[in-house]
Amino acid sequence: MSIEKSSIALVLGATLVFLTFGGVFAGETQKRLTSESVIETIMKRGKLKVGMSTFVPWAMRNKKGELIGFEIDVAKKVAEDMKVKIEFVPTAWSGIIPALIAGKFDVIIGGMSVKPQRNLTINFTAPYAHSGMGIAANKNLAGDLKWPEGYNSRSVTFTCRRGATSCSDIKEIWPKARLRQFDDDSLAFQEVINGNAHATVTSHPKPARWVYKHPEVLFMPSTENLTEGNESFGLRKGDPDALNFFSNWIMVHTSNGWLKDRHNYWFKGMNWADQVDLK
């Protein structure tokens, strides 16, 4: 056999081996990924284990000691749709990602913002919530201002916490307005309550909480987000089935309005306030 024919035979032989064993290997890999999927584990266990941390109003204890909040509603709905039970695993925020990786629970549902550095360690689903900045204003000073263009005037004064993104947001949205900065959100709010400023901007749900505490003085010109972030479920890497299922669950309940309704209830109003001890 010539060298040329021998080389062709070797190539054909190697190709046959690759197709045979490569296909087997791919099949085994897919089988392993499927068998190790957290979705399979949840269904066999009959229970969804959710890692979370308490933070008003994402997740908190009511006066009976029961967990309530936006994240609690979301996790319970996921379990209901999967037709399994639910178990919450309260975890310190600083250790919640290591706990997920260690298998202490199946998924993080805890208002976790999508950040590139976190994404190097865990996978994120499609966003299911969009936190953002809100506004609270003084009724006497801003009650007659047209929203939002009436606030873009040199005669209007905003307050914000020094160094917070709310300060840059105000400058971008209302560049003509005056801006006073304070070292604490409560001081910025107090200036508005005292009538020394027209409005303050900070992250939801703080505006709703301050309006709830001072309804005679404050109001919210708009409950819509002035800016938006992205919060997603956190999952262990190497589990495409789980990423697919949870992302599609989010897509369904975004489309039907359920997630927006629950988010508005917990973040844009205070109808739940009598259930907890707010200090």
C-alpha atoms as a PDB file:
ATOM      1  CA  MET A   1       0.000   0.000   0.000  1.00  0.00           C
ATOM      2  CA  SER A   2       1.333   3.394  -0.941  1.00  0.00           C
ATOM      3  CA  ILE A   3       1.982   6.072   1.665  1.00  0.00           C
ATOM      4  CA  GLU A   4      -0.889   8.138   0.206  1.00  0.00           C
ATOM      5  CA  LYS A   5      -3.390   5.272   0.452  1.00  0.00           C
ATOM      6  CA  SER A   6      -2.166   4.431   3.940  1.00  0.00           C
ATOM      7  CA  SER A   7      -2.749   8.021   5.079  1.00  0.00           C
ATOM      8  CA  ILE A   8      -6.265   8.026   3.639  1.00  0.00           C
ATOM      9  CA  ALA A   9      -7.034   4.767   5.438  1.00  0.00           C
ATOM     10  CA  LEU A  10      -5.799   6.184   8.723  1.00  0.00           C
ATOM     11  CA  VAL A  11      -7.937   9.322   8.308  1.00  0.00           C
ATOM     12  CA  LEU A  12     -11.037   7.282   7.468  1.00  0.00           C
ATOM     13  CA  GLY A  13     -10.386   5.017  10.422  1.00  0.00           C
ATOM     14  CA  ALA A  14      -9.925   7.920  12.808  1.00  0.00           C
ATOM     15  CA  THR A  15     -13.089   9.554  11.492  1.00  0.00           C
ATOM     16  CA  LEU A  16     -15.070   6.345  12.044  1.00  0.00           C
ATOM     17  CA  VAL A  17     -13.761   6.052  15.585  1.00  0.00           C
ATOM     18  CA  PHE A  18     -14.615   9.699  16.275  1.00  0.00           C
ATOM     19  CA  LEU A  19     -18.136   9.381  14.900  1.00  0.00           C
ATOM     20  CA  THR A  20     -18.752   6.201  16.873  1.00  0.00           C
ATOM     21  CA  PHE A  21     -17.279   7.132  20.222  1.00  0.00           C
ATOM     22  CA  GLY A  22     -17.856  10.866  19.830  1.00  0.00           C
ATOM     23  CA  GLY A  23     -21.560  10.242  19.464  1.00  0.00           C
ATOM     24  CA  VAL A  24     -21.522   7.964  22.493  1.00  0.00           C
ATOM     25  CA  PHE A  25     -19.580  10.560  24.481  1.00  0.00           C
ATOM     26  CA  ALA A  26     -21.986  13.357  23.501  1.00  0.00           C
ATOM     27  CA  GLY A  27     -24.916  11.193  24.458  1.00  0.00           C
ATOM     28  CA  GLU A  28     -23.361  10.329  27.811  1.00  0.00           C
ATOM     29  CA  THR A  29     -22.600  13.997  28.476  1.00  0.00           C
ATOM     30  CA  GLN A  30     -26.187  15.002  27.724  1.00  0.00           C
ATOM     31  CA  LYS A  31     -27.479  12.147  29.867  1.00  0.00           C
ATOM     32  CA  ARG A  32     -25.228  13.214  32.753  1.00  0.00           C
ATOM     33  CA  LEU A  33     -26.337  16.846  32.504  1.00  0.00           C
ATOM     34  CA  THR A  34     -29.985  15.802  32.438  1.00  0.00           C
ATOM     35  CA  SER A  35     -29.641  13.435  35.380  1.00  0.00           C
ATOM     36  CA  GLU A  36     -27.817  16.093  37.377  1.00  0.00           C
ATOM     37  CA  SER A  37     -30.271  18.900  36.582  1.00  0.00           C
ATOM     38  CA  VAL A  38     -31.715  20.580  39.624  1.00  0.00           C
ATOM     39  CA  ILE A  39     -35.125  20.282  37.965  1.00  0.00           C
ATOM     40  CA  GLU A  40     -34.899  16.475  38.139  1.00  0.00           C
ATOM     41  CA  THR A  41     -33.743  16.718  41.750  1.00  0.00           C
ATOM     42  CA  ILE A  42     -36.654  18.987  42.693  1.00  0.00           C
ATOM     43  CA  MET A  43     -39.246  16.774  41.035  1.00  0.00           C
ATOM     44  CA  LYS A  44     -37.894  13.594  42.660  1.00  0.00           C
ATOM     45  CA  ARG A  45     -37.657  15.301  46.049  1.00  0.00           C
ATOM     46  CA  GLY A  46     -41.084  16.878  45.682  1.00  0.00           C
ATOM     47  CA  LYS A  47     -39.762  20.120  47.127  1.00  0.00           C
ATOM     48  CA  LEU A  48     -38.151  23.328  45.859  1.00  0.00           C
ATOM     49  CA  LYS A  49     -35.417  24.655  48.168  1.00  0.00           C
ATOM     50  CA  VAL A  50     -34.907  28.413  47.817  1.00  0.00           C
ATOM     51  CA  GLY A  51     -32.013  30.448  49.168  1.00  0.00           C
ATOM     52  CA  MET A  52     -32.937  33.974  50.279  1.00  0.00           C
ATOM     53  CA  SER A  53     -32.075  36.786  52.686  1.00  0.00           C
ATOM     54  CA  THR A  54     -34.493  39.048  54.531  1.00  0.00           C
ATOM     55  CA  PHE A  55     -34.715  42.565  53.147  1.00  0.00           C
ATOM     56  CA  VAL A  56     -37.857  44.722  53.119  1.00  0.00           C
ATOM     57  CA  PRO A  57     -39.970  44.232  51.057  1.00  0.00           C
ATOM     58  CA  TRP A  58     -38.243  41.433  49.141  1.00  0.00           C
ATOM     59  CA  ALA A  59     -38.544  39.000  52.047  1.00  0.00           C
ATOM     60  CA  MET A  60     -39.422  39.729  55.677  1.00  0.00           C
ATOM     61  CA  ARG A  61     -41.213  38.335  58.730  1.00  0.00           C
ATOM     62  CA  ASN A  62     -44.761  39.374  59.489  1.00  0.00           C
ATOM     63  CA  LYS A  63     -46.128  39.851  62.993  1.00  0.00           C
ATOM     64  CA  LYS A  64     -46.759  36.092  63.210  1.00  0.00           C
ATOM     65  CA  GLY A  65     -43.168  35.294  62.294  1.00  0.00           C
ATOM     66  CA  GLU A  66     -44.091  34.073  58.814  1.00  0.00           C
ATOM     67  CA  LEU A  67     -42.093  34.964  55.714  1.00  0.00           C
ATOM     68  CA  ILE A  68     -43.833  37.398  53.365  1.00  0.00           C
ATOM     69  CA  GLY A  69     -42.707  39.696  50.562  1.00  0.00           C
ATOM     70  CA  PHE A  70     -42.169  39.839  46.825  1.00  0.00           C
ATOM     71  CA  GLU A  71     -39.586  37.044  46.739  1.00  0.00           C
ATOM     72  CA  ILE A  72     -41.778  34.846  48.888  1.00  0.00           C
ATOM     73  CA  ASP A  73     -44.689  35.290  46.497  1.00  0.00           C
ATOM     74  CA  VAL A  74     -42.464  34.508  43.522  1.00  0.00           C
ATOM     75  CA  ALA A  75     -40.915  31.379  45.033  1.00  0.00           C
ATOM     76  CA  LYS A  76     -44.294  30.046  46.163  1.00  0.00           C
ATOM     77  CA  LYS A  77     -45.701  30.580  42.675  1.00  0.00           C
ATOM     78  CA  VAL A  78     -42.775  28.691  41.110  1.00  0.00           C
ATOM     79  CA  ALA A  79     -43.356  25.771  43.484  1.00  0.00           C
ATOM     80  CA  GLU A  80     -47.097  25.863  42.807  1.00  0.00           C
ATOM     81  CA  ASP A  81     -46.529  25.699  39.057  1.00  0.00           C
ATOM     82  CA  MET A  82     -44.078  22.811  39.522  1.00  0.00           C
ATOM     83  CA  LYS A  83     -46.610  21.117  41.799  1.00  0.00           C
ATOM     84  CA  VAL A  84     -44.042  20.672  44.574  1.00  0.00           C
ATOM     85  CA  LYS A  85     -43.659  21.917  48.134  1.00  0.00           C
ATOM     86  CA  ILE A  86     -41.516  24.910  49.064  1.00  0.00           C
ATOM     87  CA  GLU A  87     -38.698  25.245  51.597  1.00  0.00           C
ATOM     88  CA  PHE A  88     -37.003  28.579  52.277  1.00  0.00           C
ATOM     89  CA  VAL A  89     -33.382  28.543  53.387  1.00  0.00           C
ATOM     90  CA  PRO A  90     -32.571  31.920  55.021  1.00  0.00           C
ATOM     91  CA  THR A  91     -28.911  32.679  54.324  1.00  0.00           C
ATOM     92  CA  ALA A  92     -26.605  35.598  55.060  1.00  0.00           C
ATOM     93  CA  TRP A  93     -26.268  37.659  51.886  1.00  0.00           C
ATOM     94  CA  SER A  94     -22.465  37.570  52.028  1.00  0.00           C
ATOM     95  CA  GLY A  95     -22.502  33.786  51.833  1.00  0.00           C
ATOM     96  CA  ILE A  96     -25.491  33.106  49.609  1.00  0.00           C
ATOM     97  CA  ILE A  97     -23.523  32.359  46.416  1.00  0.00           C
ATOM     98  CA  PRO A  98     -21.108  29.911  48.119  1.00  0.00           C
ATOM     99  CA  ALA A  99     -24.126  28.225  49.747  1.00  0.00           C
ATOM    100  CA  LEU A 100     -25.775  27.793  46.329  1.00  0.00           C
ATOM    101  CA  ILE A 101     -22.613  26.302  44.850  1.00  0.00           C
ATOM    102  CA  ALA A 102     -22.316  23.957  47.845  1.00  0.00           C
ATOM    103  CA  GLY A 103     -25.823  22.645  47.160  1.00  0.00           C
ATOM    104  CA  LYS A 104     -27.506  24.021  50.276  1.00  0.00           C
ATOM    105  CA  PHE A 105     -30.508  24.914  48.107  1.00  0.00           C
ATOM    106  CA  ASP A 106     -31.622  24.732  44.477  1.00  0.00           C
ATOM    107  CA  VAL A 107     -31.875  28.356  43.435  1.00  0.00           C
ATOM    108  CA  ILE A 108     -31.377  31.900  44.729  1.00  0.00           C
ATOM    109  CA  ILE A 109     -34.581  33.929  44.587  1.00  0.00           C
ATOM    110  CA  GLY A 110     -33.524  36.967  46.545  1.00  0.00           C
ATOM    111  CA  GLY A 111     -33.519  40.114  44.450  1.00  0.00           C
ATOM    112  CA  MET A 112     -29.987  39.478  43.226  1.00  0.00           C
ATOM    113  CA  SER A 113     -28.818  42.036  40.669  1.00  0.00           C
ATOM    114  CA  VAL A 114     -27.109  40.732  37.556  1.00  0.00           C
ATOM    115  CA  LYS A 115     -23.435  41.669  37.689  1.00  0.00           C
ATOM    116  CA  PRO A 116     -20.616  40.413  35.442  1.00  0.00           C
ATOM    117  CA  GLN A 117     -18.432  39.440  38.401  1.00  0.00           C
ATOM    118  CA  ARG A 118     -21.203  37.313  39.901  1.00  0.00           C
ATOM    119  CA  ASN A 119     -21.913  35.803  36.501  1.00  0.00           C
ATOM    120  CA  LEU A 120     -18.404  34.346  36.442  1.00  0.00           C
ATOM    121  CA  THR A 121     -19.406  32.151  39.370  1.00  0.00           C
ATOM    122  CA  ILE A 122     -23.110  31.422  38.831  1.00  0.00           C
ATOM    123  CA  ASN A 123     -25.639  31.603  36.008  1.00  0.00           C
ATOM    124  CA  PHE A 124     -28.481  34.087  35.868  1.00  0.00           C
ATOM    125  CA  THR A 125     -31.929  33.571  34.412  1.00  0.00           C
ATOM    126  CA  ALA A 126     -33.808  36.165  32.407  1.00  0.00           C
ATOM    127  CA  PRO A 127     -34.672  39.170  34.635  1.00  0.00           C
ATOM    128  CA  TYR A 128     -37.862  38.743  36.648  1.00  0.00           C
ATOM    129  CA  ALA A 129     -37.773  42.114  38.435  1.00  0.00           C
ATOM    130  CA  HIS A 130     -36.556  45.583  37.621  1.00  0.00           C
ATOM    131  CA  SER A 131     -35.752  47.640  40.681  1.00  0.00           C
ATOM    132  CA  GLY A 132     -35.239  51.318  40.199  1.00  0.00           C
ATOM    133  CA  MET A 133     -35.397  54.857  41.457  1.00  0.00           C
ATOM    134  CA  GLY A 134     -38.585  56.503  42.671  1.00  0.00           C
ATOM    135  CA  ILE A 135     -39.600  59.990  43.771  1.00  0.00           C
ATOM    136  CA  ALA A 136     -41.337  61.505  46.791  1.00  0.00           C
ATOM    137  CA  ALA A 137     -42.374  65.157  46.741  1.00  0.00           C
ATOM    138  CA  ASN A 138     -43.728  67.825  49.052  1.00  0.00           C
ATOM    139  CA  LYS A 139     -47.461  68.396  48.464  1.00  0.00           C
ATOM    140  CA  ASN A 140     -47.391  72.137  49.125  1.00  0.00           C
ATOM    141  CA  LEU A 141     -44.328  72.847  46.978  1.00  0.00           C
ATOM    142  CA  ALA A 142     -44.780  70.353  44.132  1.00  0.00           C
ATOM    143  CA  GLY A 143     -48.475  69.492  44.164  1.00  0.00           C
ATOM    144  CA  ASP A 144     -49.248  71.709  41.157  1.00  0.00           C
ATOM    145  CA  LEU A 145     -46.156  70.865  39.101  1.00  0.00           C
ATOM    146  CA  LYS A 146     -46.784  69.036  35.831  1.00  0.00           C
ATOM    147  CA  TRP A 147     -45.171  65.610  35.707  1.00  0.00           C
ATOM    148  CA  PRO A 148     -42.384  65.245  34.734  1.00  0.00           C
ATOM    149  CA  GLU A 149     -41.474  68.381  32.772  1.00  0.00           C
ATOM    150  CA  GLY A 150     -42.617  70.755  35.516  1.00  0.00           C
ATOM    151  CA  TYR A 151     -39.752  69.540  37.716  1.00  0.00           C
ATOM    152  CA  ASN A 152     -37.107  70.594  35.192  1.00  0.00           C
ATOM    153  CA  SER A 153     -36.764  74.171  36.407  1.00  0.00           C
ATOM    154  CA  ARG A 154     -34.277  76.303  38.313  1.00  0.00           C
ATOM    155  CA  SER A 155     -37.059  77.052  40.768  1.00  0.00           C
ATOM    156  CA  VAL A 156     -37.250  73.356  41.750  1.00  0.00           C
ATOM    157  CA  THR A 157     -34.905  71.835  44.334  1.00  0.00           C
ATOM    158  CA  PHE A 158     -34.145  68.120  44.635  1.00  0.00           C
ATOM    159  CA  THR A 159     -32.333  66.282  47.397  1.00  0.00           C
ATOM    160  CA  CYS A 160     -30.418  63.004  47.291  1.00  0.00           C
ATOM    161  CA  ARG A 161     -27.891  60.947  49.220  1.00  0.00           C
ATOM    162  CA  ARG A 162     -24.358  62.060  48.373  1.00  0.00           C
ATOM    163  CA  GLY A 163     -22.548  59.562  46.139  1.00  0.00           C
ATOM    164  CA  ALA A 164     -25.705  57.631  45.257  1.00  0.00           C
ATOM    165  CA  THR A 165     -26.763  57.004  41.655  1.00  0.00           C
ATOM    166  CA  SER A 166     -29.955  58.947  42.404  1.00  0.00           C
ATOM    167  CA  CYS A 167     -27.909  62.176  42.314  1.00  0.00           C
ATOM    168  CA  SER A 168     -26.645  61.525  38.787  1.00  0.00           C
ATOM    169  CA  ASP A 169     -30.140  60.372  37.762  1.00  0.00           C
ATOM    170  CA  ILE A 170     -31.622  63.708  38.858  1.00  0.00           C
ATOM    171  CA  LYS A 171     -28.973  65.641  36.914  1.00  0.00           C
ATOM    172  CA  GLU A 172     -29.721  63.609  33.799  1.00  0.00           C
ATOM    173  CA  ILE A 173     -33.536  63.698  33.966  1.00  0.00           C
ATOM    174  CA  TRP A 174     -33.952  67.272  35.281  1.00  0.00           C
ATOM    175  CA  PRO A 175     -30.748  69.122  34.337  1.00  0.00           C
ATOM    176  CA  LYS A 176     -32.186  72.565  35.113  1.00  0.00           C
ATOM    177  CA  ALA A 177     -33.238  71.718  38.677  1.00  0.00           C
ATOM    178  CA  ARG A 178     -31.140  72.582  41.702  1.00  0.00           C
ATOM    179  CA  LEU A 179     -29.625  69.705  43.666  1.00  0.00           C
ATOM    180  CA  ARG A 180     -28.744  69.469  47.349  1.00  0.00           C
ATOM    181  CA  GLN A 181     -26.852  66.411  48.585  1.00  0.00           C
ATOM    182  CA  PHE A 182     -26.840  64.834  52.052  1.00  0.00           C
ATOM    183  CA  ASP A 183     -24.915  62.048  53.741  1.00  0.00           C
ATOM    184  CA  ASP A 184     -28.024  59.997  54.472  1.00  0.00           C
ATOM    185  CA  ASP A 185     -31.352  59.259  52.764  1.00  0.00           C
ATOM    186  CA  SER A 186     -33.284  60.193  55.897  1.00  0.00           C
ATOM    187  CA  LEU A 187     -31.733  63.672  55.883  1.00  0.00           C
ATOM    188  CA  ALA A 188     -32.631  64.121  52.221  1.00  0.00           C
ATOM    189  CA  PHE A 189     -36.227  63.111  52.974  1.00  0.00           C
ATOM    190  CA  GLN A 190     -36.386  65.370  56.016  1.00  0.00           C
ATOM    191  CA  GLU A 191     -35.541  68.417  53.889  1.00  0.00           C
ATOM    192  CA  VAL A 192     -38.548  67.636  51.674  1.00  0.00           C
ATOM    193  CA  ILE A 193     -40.785  67.045  54.707  1.00  0.00           C
ATOM    194  CA  ASN A 194     -39.655  70.375  56.200  1.00  0.00           C
ATOM    195  CA  GLY A 195     -40.519  72.176  52.977  1.00  0.00           C
ATOM    196  CA  ASN A 196     -36.934  73.107  52.146  1.00  0.00           C
ATOM    197  CA  ALA A 197     -36.915  71.100  48.905  1.00  0.00           C
ATOM    198  CA  HIS A 198     -39.528  70.037  46.370  1.00  0.00           C
ATOM    199  CA  ALA A 199     -38.639  66.356  45.985  1.00  0.00           C
ATOM    200  CA  THR A 200     -36.130  63.591  46.633  1.00  0.00           C
ATOM    201  CA  VAL A 201     -35.134  60.591  44.565  1.00  0.00           C
ATOM    202  CA  THR A 202     -34.073  57.217  45.954  1.00  0.00           C
ATOM    203  CA  SER A 203     -34.567  53.521  45.275  1.00  0.00           C
ATOM    204  CA  HIS A 204     -37.984  51.895  45.577  1.00  0.00           C
ATOM    205  CA  PRO A 205     -39.687  51.168  47.945  1.00  0.00           C
ATOM    206  CA  LYS A 206     -38.296  53.994  50.114  1.00  0.00           C
ATOM    207  CA  PRO A 207     -40.476  56.716  48.518  1.00  0.00           C
ATOM    208  CA  ALA A 208     -43.641  54.697  49.215  1.00  0.00           C
ATOM    209  CA  ARG A 209     -42.557  54.037  52.813  1.00  0.00           C
ATOM    210  CA  TRP A 210     -41.931  57.745  53.505  1.00  0.00           C
ATOM    211  CA  VAL A 211     -45.225  58.749  51.920  1.00  0.00           C
ATOM    212  CA  TYR A 212     -46.924  56.113  54.070  1.00  0.00           C
ATOM    213  CA  LYS A 213     -45.344  57.624  57.199  1.00  0.00           C
ATOM    214  CA  HIS A 214     -46.059  61.249  56.207  1.00  0.00           C
ATOM    215  CA  PRO A 215     -49.206  61.211  54.045  1.00  0.00           C
ATOM    216  CA  GLU A 216     -50.179  64.737  55.053  1.00  0.00           C
ATOM    217  CA  VAL A 217     -46.937  66.180  53.662  1.00  0.00           C
ATOM    218  CA  LEU A 218     -45.589  63.853  50.976  1.00  0.00           C
ATOM    219  CA  PHE A 219     -46.894  62.279  47.780  1.00  0.00           C
ATOM    220  CA  MET A 220     -45.490  60.322  44.829  1.00  0.00           C
ATOM    221  CA  PRO A 221     -45.873  62.212  41.521  1.00  0.00           C
ATOM    222  CA  SER A 222     -45.318  58.884  39.755  1.00  0.00           C
ATOM    223  CA  THR A 223     -44.990  55.263  40.882  1.00  0.00           C
ATOM    224  CA  GLU A 224     -43.074  54.260  37.742  1.00  0.00           C
ATOM    225  CA  ASN A 225     -39.339  53.577  37.878  1.00  0.00           C
ATOM    226  CA  LEU A 226     -37.220  56.568  36.890  1.00  0.00           C
ATOM    227  CA  THR A 227     -34.408  54.119  36.106  1.00  0.00           C
ATOM    228  CA  GLU A 228     -34.347  50.320  36.041  1.00  0.00           C
ATOM    229  CA  GLY A 229     -32.021  47.549  37.166  1.00  0.00           C
ATOM    230  CA  ASN A 230     -32.231  43.822  36.525  1.00  0.00           C
ATOM    231  CA  GLU A 231     -32.748  41.097  39.126  1.00  0.00           C
ATOM    232  CA  SER A 232     -32.615  37.403  38.246  1.00  0.00           C
ATOM    233  CA  PHE A 233     -32.688  33.936  39.788  1.00  0.00           C
ATOM    234  CA  GLY A 234     -29.219  32.570  40.568  1.00  0.00           C
ATOM    235  CA  LEU A 235     -28.346  29.010  39.498  1.00  0.00           C
ATOM    236  CA  ARG A 236     -25.352  26.707  39.612  1.00  0.00           C
ATOM    237  CA  LYS A 237     -23.389  26.529  36.373  1.00  0.00           C
ATOM    238  CA  GLY A 238     -23.601  23.541  34.028  1.00  0.00           C
ATOM    239  CA  ASP A 239     -27.376  23.088  34.229  1.00  0.00           C
ATOM    240  CA  PRO A 240     -29.032  24.138  30.942  1.00  0.00           C
ATOM    241  CA  ASP A 241     -32.340  22.478  31.841  1.00  0.00           C
ATOM    242  CA  ALA A 242     -32.750  24.560  34.999  1.00  0.00           C
ATOM    243  CA  LEU A 243     -31.737  27.753  33.205  1.00  0.00           C
ATOM    244  CA  ASN A 244     -34.277  26.989  30.477  1.00  0.00           C
ATOM    245  CA  PHE A 245     -37.129  26.156  32.846  1.00  0.00           C
ATOM    246  CA  PHE A 246     -36.764  29.125  35.192  1.00  0.00           C
ATOM    247  CA  SER A 247     -36.189  31.615  32.366  1.00  0.00           C
ATOM    248  CA  ASN A 248     -39.287  30.371  30.553  1.00  0.00           C
ATOM    249  CA  TRP A 249     -41.280  30.537  33.809  1.00  0.00           C
ATOM    250  CA  ILE A 250     -40.237  34.182  34.089  1.00  0.00           C
ATOM    251  CA  MET A 251     -41.186  34.826  30.448  1.00  0.00           C
ATOM    252  CA  VAL A 252     -44.674  33.364  30.955  1.00  0.00           C
ATOM    253  CA  HIS A 253     -45.406  35.338  34.105  1.00  0.00           C
ATOM    254  CA  THR A 254     -43.948  38.516  32.651  1.00  0.00           C
ATOM    255  CA  SER A 255     -46.247  38.197  29.636  1.00  0.00           C
ATOM    256  CA  ASN A 256     -49.374  37.546  31.700  1.00  0.00           C
ATOM    257  CA  GLY A 257     -48.629  40.456  34.050  1.00  0.00           C
ATOM    258  CA  TRP A 258     -48.388  38.395  37.245  1.00  0.00           C
ATOM    259  CA  LEU A 259     -44.824  39.468  38.092  1.00  0.00           C
ATOM    260  CA  LYS A 260     -45.549  43.154  37.485  1.00  0.00           C
ATOM    261  CA  ASP A 261     -48.696  42.980  39.617  1.00  0.00           C
ATOM    262  CA  ARG A 262     -46.843  41.402  42.542  1.00  0.00           C
ATOM    263  CA  HIS A 263     -43.905  43.787  42.175  1.00  0.00           C
ATOM    264  CA  ASN A 264     -46.197  46.826  42.167  1.00  0.00           C
ATOM    265  CA  TYR A 265     -47.994  45.547  45.261  1.00  0.00           C
ATOM    266  CA  TRP A 266     -44.803  45.239  47.294  1.00  0.00           C
ATOM    267  CA  PHE A 267     -42.752  48.133  45.901  1.00  0.00           C
ATOM    268  CA  LYS A 268     -45.139  50.854  44.729  1.00  0.00           C
ATOM    269  CA  GLY A 269     -47.562  50.913  47.656  1.00  0.00           C
ATOM    270  CA  MET A 270     -47.878  50.114  51.355  1.00  0.00           C
ATOM    271  CA  ASN A 271     -51.069  48.050  51.565  1.00  0.00           C
ATOM    272  CA  TRP A 272     -48.995  45.365  53.280  1.00  0.00           C
ATOM    273  CA  ALA A 273     -47.631  47.668  55.997  1.00  0.00           C
ATOM    274  CA  ASP A 274     -50.038  46.549  58.738  1.00  0.00           C
ATOM    275  CA  GLN A 275     -48.667  42.999  58.478  1.00  0.00           C
ATOM    276  CA  VAL A 276     -45.202  43.936  59.728  1.00  0.00           C
ATOM    277  CA  ASP A 277     -43.533  46.081  62.353  1.00  0.00           C
ATOM    278  CA  LEU A 278     -41.993  48.966  60.413  1.00  0.00           C
ATOM    279  CA  LYS A 279     -39.519  50.982  62.449  1.00  0.00           C
END
